[in-house]
C-alpha atoms as a PDB file:
ATOM      1  CA  MET A   1      -1.590  20.563  19.535  1.00  0.00           C
ATOM      2  CA  SER A   2      -3.564  23.750  18.641  1.00  0.00           C
ATOM      3  CA  LEU A   3      -2.286  26.957  17.333  1.00  0.00           C
ATOM      4  CA  ARG A   4      -3.453  28.555  20.451  1.00  0.00           C
ATOM      5  CA  THR A   5      -1.592  26.146  22.771  1.00  0.00           C
ATOM      6  CA  SER A   6       1.557  26.459  20.566  1.00  0.00           C
ATOM      7  CA  SER A   7       1.459  30.154  20.905  1.00  0.00           C
ATOM      8  CA  LEU A   8       1.083  30.088  24.602  1.00  0.00           C
ATOM      9  CA  LEU A   9       4.007  27.746  24.901  1.00  0.00           C
ATOM     10  CA  ILE A  10       6.093  30.002  22.791  1.00  0.00           C
ATOM     11  CA  LEU A  11       5.225  33.047  24.927  1.00  0.00           C
ATOM     12  CA  LEU A  12       5.933  31.163  28.124  1.00  0.00           C
ATOM     13  CA  ALA A  13       9.333  30.129  26.881  1.00  0.00           C
ATOM     14  CA  LEU A  14      10.119  33.791  25.920  1.00  0.00           C
ATOM     15  CA  ALA A  15       8.965  35.070  29.178  1.00  0.00           C
ATOM     16  CA  ALA A  16      11.222  32.663  31.052  1.00  0.00           C
ATOM     17  CA  GLY A  17      14.364  34.454  29.673  1.00  0.00           C
ATOM     18  CA  CYS A  18      16.954  34.102  32.329  1.00  0.00           C
ATOM     19  CA  SER A  19      15.027  31.604  34.333  1.00  0.00           C
ATOM     20  CA  GLY A  20      15.126  29.223  31.309  1.00  0.00           C
ATOM     21  CA  ASN A  21      18.807  29.319  31.262  1.00  0.00           C
ATOM     22  CA  SER A  22      19.234  28.761  34.929  1.00  0.00           C
ATOM     23  CA  GLY A  23      16.894  25.929  34.760  1.00  0.00           C
ATOM     24  CA  THR A  24      18.931  24.400  31.963  1.00  0.00           C
ATOM     25  CA  ILE A  25      22.153  24.734  34.050  1.00  0.00           C
ATOM     26  CA  CYS A  26      20.573  23.275  37.130  1.00  0.00           C
ATOM     27  CA  ASP A  27      18.883  20.470  35.379  1.00  0.00           C
ATOM     28  CA  LYS A  28      22.273  19.555  33.792  1.00  0.00           C
ATOM     29  CA  ARG A  29      24.026  19.901  37.242  1.00  0.00           C
ATOM     30  CA  GLN A  30      21.465  17.472  38.806  1.00  0.00           C
ATOM     31  CA  GLU A  31      21.852  15.059  35.793  1.00  0.00           C
ATOM     32  CA  CYS A  32      25.576  15.044  35.667  1.00  0.00           C
ATOM     33  CA  PHE A  33      26.922  15.894  39.045  1.00  0.00           C
ATOM     34  CA  ASN A  34      24.542  15.835  41.921  1.00  0.00           C
ATOM     35  CA  SER A  35      21.323  13.781  41.616  1.00  0.00           C
ATOM     36  CA  SER A  36      19.978  15.146  44.851  1.00  0.00           C
ATOM     37  CA  LEU A  37      20.453  18.823  43.745  1.00  0.00           C
ATOM     38  CA  ASP A  38      17.416  21.089  44.674  1.00  0.00           C
ATOM     39  CA  THR A  39      16.953  22.547  41.249  1.00  0.00           C
ATOM     40  CA  GLY A  40      14.500  25.080  42.362  1.00  0.00           C
ATOM     41  CA  LYS A  41      16.899  26.535  44.929  1.00  0.00           C
ATOM     42  CA  CYS A  42      19.719  26.291  42.312  1.00  0.00           C
ATOM     43  CA  GLU A  43      17.646  28.435  39.836  1.00  0.00           C
ATOM     44  CA  LYS A  44      16.821  31.041  42.307  1.00  0.00           C
ATOM     45  CA  THR A  45      20.415  31.343  43.332  1.00  0.00           C
ATOM     46  CA  ILE A  46      21.545  31.702  39.634  1.00  0.00           C
ATOM     47  CA  ASP A  47      18.680  33.977  38.783  1.00  0.00           C
ATOM     48  CA  ALA A  48      19.532  36.317  41.720  1.00  0.00           C
ATOM     49  CA  TRP A  49      23.183  36.433  40.588  1.00  0.00           C
ATOM     50  CA  ALA A  50      22.360  36.978  36.947  1.00  0.00           C
ATOM     51  CA  ASP A  51      20.163  39.921  38.174  1.00  0.00           C
ATOM     52  CA  GLU A  52      23.196  41.701  39.539  1.00  0.00           C
ATOM     53  CA  SER A  53      24.576  42.590  36.105  1.00  0.00           C
ATOM     54  CA  ARG A  54      24.230  42.292  32.461  1.00  0.00           C
ATOM     55  CA  ASN A  55      27.561  40.528  32.178  1.00  0.00           C
ATOM     56  CA  ASN A  56      26.319  37.981  34.753  1.00  0.00           C
ATOM     57  CA  GLU A  57      23.125  37.509  32.722  1.00  0.00           C
ATOM     58  CA  ASP A  58      25.225  36.970  29.567  1.00  0.00           C
ATOM     59  CA  ARG A  59      27.409  34.455  31.312  1.00  0.00           C
ATOM     60  CA  VAL A  60      24.378  32.427  32.401  1.00  0.00           C
ATOM     61  CA  ALA A  61      23.134  32.418  28.920  1.00  0.00           C
ATOM     62  CA  GLU A  62      26.469  31.333  27.381  1.00  0.00           C
ATOM     63  CA  CYS A  63      26.983  28.406  30.140  1.00  0.00           C
ATOM     64  CA  ALA A  64      23.322  27.281  29.375  1.00  0.00           C
ATOM     65  CA  ASP A  65      23.934  27.233  25.759  1.00  0.00           C
ATOM     66  CA  CYS A  66      27.177  25.232  26.338  1.00  0.00           C
ATOM     67  CA  VAL A  67      25.706  22.608  28.762  1.00  0.00           C
ATOM     68  CA  SER A  68      22.572  22.086  26.720  1.00  0.00           C
ATOM     69  CA  ASP A  69      24.752  21.237  23.572  1.00  0.00           C
ATOM     70  CA  ASN A  70      27.240  18.800  25.388  1.00  0.00           C
ATOM     71  CA  SER A  71      26.851  15.471  27.048  1.00  0.00           C
ATOM     72  CA  CYS A  72      27.688  14.980  30.854  1.00  0.00           C
ATOM     73  CA  SER A  73      31.081  13.623  29.991  1.00  0.00           C
ATOM     74  CA  ARG A  74      31.999  16.626  27.800  1.00  0.00           C
ATOM     75  CA  ILE A  75      30.700  19.506  30.016  1.00  0.00           C
ATOM     76  CA  ILE A  76      33.728  19.883  32.107  1.00  0.00           C
ATOM     77  CA  GLU A  77      36.084  19.906  29.112  1.00  0.00           C
ATOM     78  CA  LYS A  78      33.869  22.053  26.805  1.00  0.00           C
ATOM     79  CA  CYS A  79      32.008  24.401  29.286  1.00  0.00           C
ATOM     80  CA  ILE A  80      34.402  25.322  32.094  1.00  0.00           C
ATOM     81  CA  ASP A  81      35.124  28.717  30.646  1.00  0.00           C
ATOM     82  CA  ASP A  82      31.572  29.585  30.233  1.00  0.00           C
ATOM     83  CA  CYS A  83      30.359  28.214  33.595  1.00  0.00           C
ATOM     84  CA  LEU A  84      33.081  28.652  36.007  1.00  0.00           C
ATOM     85  CA  GLY A  85      32.129  31.094  38.798  1.00  0.00           C
ATOM     86  CA  ILE A  86      28.401  30.698  38.182  1.00  0.00           C
ATOM     87  CA  PRO A  87      26.833  29.924  41.768  1.00  0.00           C
END
């Protein structure tokens, strides 16, 4: 991978911000709980909710961090406090 390509990927990841977090949550929901989940619709719903307040945005980030660090079998036990209430 060229330096230019690597730089572009880093910029895209940084620009994703909240969307990256909602994508993480929705992908994990699909993987662990609902294989037919429309992840695009899920991301839009979470992004809209996160845009309502800084607190919501922070909660989405905390939930995404938790679910990305845990297996499906551990998410409910480990991430319930971080993720409960996120649409």
